[in-house]
Each structure stands twice: as structure tokens, then as C-alpha cells.
């Protein structure tokens, strides 16, 4: 498969993956017992590690060419905002654990920082590097 056919296949596959990730993410929040009963929190640890790998990768890719990869800063900001607001919701409505409040503050700061960096990257006066 090459050319436009390959592109269409990749686009369709990524759209299906995005839908699947969104559905599973919503299920994690709406019904976590479907996933964690009997896992002794190891599933959450694995998922947290995977999330950290993804955001580390985003930061490394973005820094390589901040103009070209500027939109990925919005993805990073969205991830950090979701983590921050999720922690605040759990802190406020379910568990009064200081670490949840701390994560709300730290990830909230990082979400704002990513948005600020996105704004600054928009002021760089050069064209994105060619693919």
C-alpha cells in the first residue's frame, strides 16, 4: 500500500484508535471496577507509567521543532488539564487525600505552562521544517 491509499488507511485507523481510546477512557472514569478488581492497583500503575512515557515523548518531539510540532503542545495541555481536573474531582467528591490536591496543583500548573509555551511557539518567526 502506498500514496493516498496508505494515507487513507492510516487516517481511518487513527480515527478508530481515537474512538476506542476515548470510550475506554470514559469507562475508566465511569466504571473503574471493570478494570481494576483483583489487580491490586497494578493496572493503574502500568497506565500511569504509560501516560508518563507518552507525555515524555510529546515533550521530546515538540522540542525538536517547536514551530512544526506546536499543535502537540495543546495535546500535552489537554492531558495535564484532564489529570489536574480529575484529581480535583476525586479530592472534592470521593477521597480527601492530599496527593490528589497536590496533583491538581502541579498538573494544573503544567497545563497552563504548556498553553503558555504554545503561545510563545506561535511567535517564532520561521516556517516549520519540511517533513
C-alpha atoms as a PDB file:
ATOM      1  CA  UNK A   1       0.000   0.000   0.000  1.00  0.00           C
ATOM      2  CA  UNK A   2       1.397   3.407  -0.980  1.00  0.00           C
ATOM      3  CA  UNK A   3       0.439   7.010  -1.550  1.00  0.00           C
ATOM      4  CA  UNK A   4      -3.117   8.129  -0.966  1.00  0.00           C
ATOM      5  CA  UNK A   5      -4.330   4.615  -0.149  1.00  0.00           C
ATOM      6  CA  UNK A   6      -1.755   4.331   2.633  1.00  0.00           C
ATOM      7  CA  UNK A   7      -2.723   7.764   3.929  1.00  0.00           C
ATOM      8  CA  UNK A   8      -6.435   6.919   3.946  1.00  0.00           C
ATOM      9  CA  UNK A   9      -5.727   3.669   5.789  1.00  0.00           C
ATOM     10  CA  UNK A  10      -3.572   5.422   8.413  1.00  0.00           C
ATOM     11  CA  UNK A  11      -6.159   8.182   8.909  1.00  0.00           C
ATOM     12  CA  UNK A  12      -9.037   5.697   9.267  1.00  0.00           C
ATOM     13  CA  UNK A  13      -7.008   3.542  11.653  1.00  0.00           C
ATOM     14  CA  UNK A  14      -6.086   6.518  13.828  1.00  0.00           C
ATOM     15  CA  UNK A  15      -9.697   7.670  13.938  1.00  0.00           C
ATOM     16  CA  UNK A  16     -10.772   4.207  15.111  1.00  0.00           C
ATOM     17  CA  UNK A  17      -7.997   4.158  17.685  1.00  0.00           C
ATOM     18  CA  UNK A  18      -9.016   7.614  18.941  1.00  0.00           C
ATOM     19  CA  UNK A  19     -12.614   6.452  19.298  1.00  0.00           C
ATOM     20  CA  UNK A  20     -11.509   3.330  21.152  1.00  0.00           C
ATOM     21  CA  UNK A  21      -9.203   5.288  23.464  1.00  0.00           C
ATOM     22  CA  UNK A  22     -11.982   7.767  24.234  1.00  0.00           C
ATOM     23  CA  UNK A  23     -14.525   5.034  25.010  1.00  0.00           C
ATOM     24  CA  UNK A  24     -12.124   3.114  27.249  1.00  0.00           C
ATOM     25  CA  UNK A  25     -11.053   6.347  28.956  1.00  0.00           C
ATOM     26  CA  UNK A  26     -14.668   7.157  29.744  1.00  0.00           C
ATOM     27  CA  UNK A  27     -15.178   3.621  31.056  1.00  0.00           C
ATOM     28  CA  UNK A  28     -12.136   4.021  33.319  1.00  0.00           C
ATOM     29  CA  UNK A  29     -13.830   7.020  34.909  1.00  0.00           C
ATOM     30  CA  UNK A  30     -17.422   5.781  34.868  1.00  0.00           C
ATOM     31  CA  UNK A  31     -16.802   2.206  35.985  1.00  0.00           C
ATOM     32  CA  UNK A  32     -13.238   1.601  37.164  1.00  0.00           C
ATOM     33  CA  UNK A  33     -14.164  -1.684  38.830  1.00  0.00           C
ATOM     34  CA  UNK A  34     -14.499  -3.207  35.351  1.00  0.00           C
ATOM     35  CA  UNK A  35     -10.741  -2.866  35.039  1.00  0.00           C
ATOM     36  CA  UNK A  36      -9.185  -2.961  38.485  1.00  0.00           C
ATOM     37  CA  UNK A  37     -10.986  -5.597  40.521  1.00  0.00           C
ATOM     38  CA  UNK A  38      -8.304  -8.057  41.549  1.00  0.00           C
ATOM     39  CA  UNK A  39      -5.396  -6.122  40.008  1.00  0.00           C
ATOM     40  CA  UNK A  40      -4.097  -4.686  43.308  1.00  0.00           C
ATOM     41  CA  UNK A  41      -3.600  -1.271  41.642  1.00  0.00           C
ATOM     42  CA  UNK A  42      -1.006  -2.695  39.235  1.00  0.00           C
ATOM     43  CA  UNK A  43      -3.155  -1.782  36.238  1.00  0.00           C
ATOM     44  CA  UNK A  44      -3.272   1.857  37.343  1.00  0.00           C
ATOM     45  CA  UNK A  45       0.486   1.836  37.883  1.00  0.00           C
ATOM     46  CA  UNK A  46       1.050   0.446  34.397  1.00  0.00           C
ATOM     47  CA  UNK A  47      -1.312   3.019  32.893  1.00  0.00           C
ATOM     48  CA  UNK A  48       0.295   5.867  34.841  1.00  0.00           C
ATOM     49  CA  UNK A  49       3.722   4.757  33.627  1.00  0.00           C
ATOM     50  CA  UNK A  50       2.438   4.580  30.046  1.00  0.00           C
ATOM     51  CA  UNK A  51       0.967   8.090  30.365  1.00  0.00           C
ATOM     52  CA  UNK A  52       4.306   9.418  31.602  1.00  0.00           C
ATOM     53  CA  UNK A  53       6.062   7.761  28.642  1.00  0.00           C
ATOM     54  CA  UNK A  54       3.607   9.403  26.235  1.00  0.00           C
ATOM     55  CA  UNK A  55       3.975  12.894  27.694  1.00  0.00           C
ATOM     56  CA  UNK A  56       7.757  12.489  27.838  1.00  0.00           C
ATOM     57  CA  UNK A  57       7.677  11.540  24.160  1.00  0.00           C
ATOM     58  CA  UNK A  58       5.481  14.532  23.364  1.00  0.00           C
ATOM     59  CA  UNK A  59       7.905  16.898  25.086  1.00  0.00           C
ATOM     60  CA  UNK A  60      10.874  15.379  23.242  1.00  0.00           C
ATOM     61  CA  UNK A  61       9.173  15.512  19.844  1.00  0.00           C
ATOM     62  CA  UNK A  62       7.950  19.086  20.373  1.00  0.00           C
ATOM     63  CA  UNK A  63      11.336  20.416  21.474  1.00  0.00           C
ATOM     64  CA  UNK A  64      12.905  19.112  18.255  1.00  0.00           C
ATOM     65  CA  UNK A  65      10.933  21.704  16.228  1.00  0.00           C
ATOM     66  CA  UNK A  66       8.583  23.875  18.264  1.00  0.00           C
ATOM     67  CA  UNK A  67       7.056  25.519  15.205  1.00  0.00           C
ATOM     68  CA  UNK A  68       6.269  22.315  13.353  1.00  0.00           C
ATOM     69  CA  UNK A  69       5.035  20.421  16.400  1.00  0.00           C
ATOM     70  CA  UNK A  70       3.335  23.357  18.123  1.00  0.00           C
ATOM     71  CA  UNK A  71      -0.160  21.746  17.972  1.00  0.00           C
ATOM     72  CA  UNK A  72       1.140  18.897  20.131  1.00  0.00           C
ATOM     73  CA  UNK A  73       1.537  21.391  22.974  1.00  0.00           C
ATOM     74  CA  UNK A  74      -2.269  21.565  23.020  1.00  0.00           C
ATOM     75  CA  UNK A  75      -2.379  17.780  23.367  1.00  0.00           C
ATOM     76  CA  UNK A  76       0.069  17.993  26.258  1.00  0.00           C
ATOM     77  CA  UNK A  77      -2.003  20.771  27.866  1.00  0.00           C
ATOM     78  CA  UNK A  78      -5.207  18.734  27.458  1.00  0.00           C
ATOM     79  CA  UNK A  79      -3.628  15.689  29.109  1.00  0.00           C
ATOM     80  CA  UNK A  80      -2.328  17.713  32.027  1.00  0.00           C
ATOM     81  CA  UNK A  81      -5.658  19.545  32.397  1.00  0.00           C
ATOM     82  CA  UNK A  82      -7.549  16.240  32.430  1.00  0.00           C
ATOM     83  CA  UNK A  83      -5.208  14.880  35.091  1.00  0.00           C
ATOM     84  CA  UNK A  84      -5.480  18.060  37.142  1.00  0.00           C
ATOM     85  CA  UNK A  85      -9.260  18.355  36.981  1.00  0.00           C
ATOM     86  CA  UNK A  86      -9.735  14.626  37.535  1.00  0.00           C
ATOM     87  CA  UNK A  87      -7.608  14.824  40.663  1.00  0.00           C
ATOM     88  CA  UNK A  88      -9.599  17.804  41.905  1.00  0.00           C
ATOM     89  CA  UNK A  89     -12.886  15.972  41.332  1.00  0.00           C
ATOM     90  CA  UNK A  90     -11.678  12.886  43.197  1.00  0.00           C
ATOM     91  CA  UNK A  91     -10.343  15.071  46.006  1.00  0.00           C
ATOM     92  CA  UNK A  92     -13.582  17.036  46.305  1.00  0.00           C
ATOM     93  CA  UNK A  93     -16.134  14.266  45.895  1.00  0.00           C
ATOM     94  CA  UNK A  94     -14.538  10.962  46.872  1.00  0.00           C
ATOM     95  CA  UNK A  95     -11.265  10.946  48.749  1.00  0.00           C
ATOM     96  CA  UNK A  96      -9.767  13.689  50.849  1.00  0.00           C
ATOM     97  CA  UNK A  97      -6.140  12.720  50.105  1.00  0.00           C
ATOM     98  CA  UNK A  98      -3.514  15.456  49.967  1.00  0.00           C
ATOM     99  CA  UNK A  99      -1.766  13.827  46.989  1.00  0.00           C
ATOM    100  CA  UNK A 100      -4.891  14.405  44.866  1.00  0.00           C
ATOM    101  CA  UNK A 101      -4.880  18.098  45.766  1.00  0.00           C
ATOM    102  CA  UNK A 102      -1.150  18.261  45.072  1.00  0.00           C
ATOM    103  CA  UNK A 103      -1.613  16.619  41.656  1.00  0.00           C
ATOM    104  CA  UNK A 104      -4.393  19.102  40.865  1.00  0.00           C
ATOM    105  CA  UNK A 105      -1.991  21.964  41.555  1.00  0.00           C
ATOM    106  CA  UNK A 106       1.082  20.507  39.811  1.00  0.00           C
ATOM    107  CA  UNK A 107      -0.690  19.254  36.698  1.00  0.00           C
ATOM    108  CA  UNK A 108      -2.798  22.413  36.553  1.00  0.00           C
ATOM    109  CA  UNK A 109       0.404  24.448  36.534  1.00  0.00           C
ATOM    110  CA  UNK A 110       1.831  22.200  33.803  1.00  0.00           C
ATOM    111  CA  UNK A 111      -1.334  22.583  31.697  1.00  0.00           C
ATOM    112  CA  UNK A 112      -1.085  26.366  31.942  1.00  0.00           C
ATOM    113  CA  UNK A 113       2.653  26.192  31.196  1.00  0.00           C
ATOM    114  CA  UNK A 114       2.001  24.084  28.082  1.00  0.00           C
ATOM    115  CA  UNK A 115      -0.557  26.657  26.888  1.00  0.00           C
ATOM    116  CA  UNK A 116       1.905  29.465  27.523  1.00  0.00           C
ATOM    117  CA  UNK A 117       4.602  27.587  25.575  1.00  0.00           C
ATOM    118  CA  UNK A 118       2.081  27.028  22.757  1.00  0.00           C
ATOM    119  CA  UNK A 119       1.510  30.795  22.686  1.00  0.00           C
ATOM    120  CA  UNK A 120       5.245  31.513  22.666  1.00  0.00           C
ATOM    121  CA  UNK A 121       5.897  28.929  19.935  1.00  0.00           C
ATOM    122  CA  UNK A 122       3.355  30.802  17.800  1.00  0.00           C
ATOM    123  CA  UNK A 123       5.610  33.863  17.947  1.00  0.00           C
ATOM    124  CA  UNK A 124       8.609  32.092  16.427  1.00  0.00           C
ATOM    125  CA  UNK A 125       9.232  33.747  13.070  1.00  0.00           C
ATOM    126  CA  UNK A 126      10.112  30.878  10.750  1.00  0.00           C
ATOM    127  CA  UNK A 127       8.339  28.233   8.749  1.00  0.00           C
ATOM    128  CA  UNK A 128       8.058  24.700  10.109  1.00  0.00           C
ATOM    129  CA  UNK A 129      10.810  22.369   8.934  1.00  0.00           C
ATOM    130  CA  UNK A 130       9.773  20.252   5.947  1.00  0.00           C
ATOM    131  CA  UNK A 131       8.674  16.684   6.646  1.00  0.00           C
END
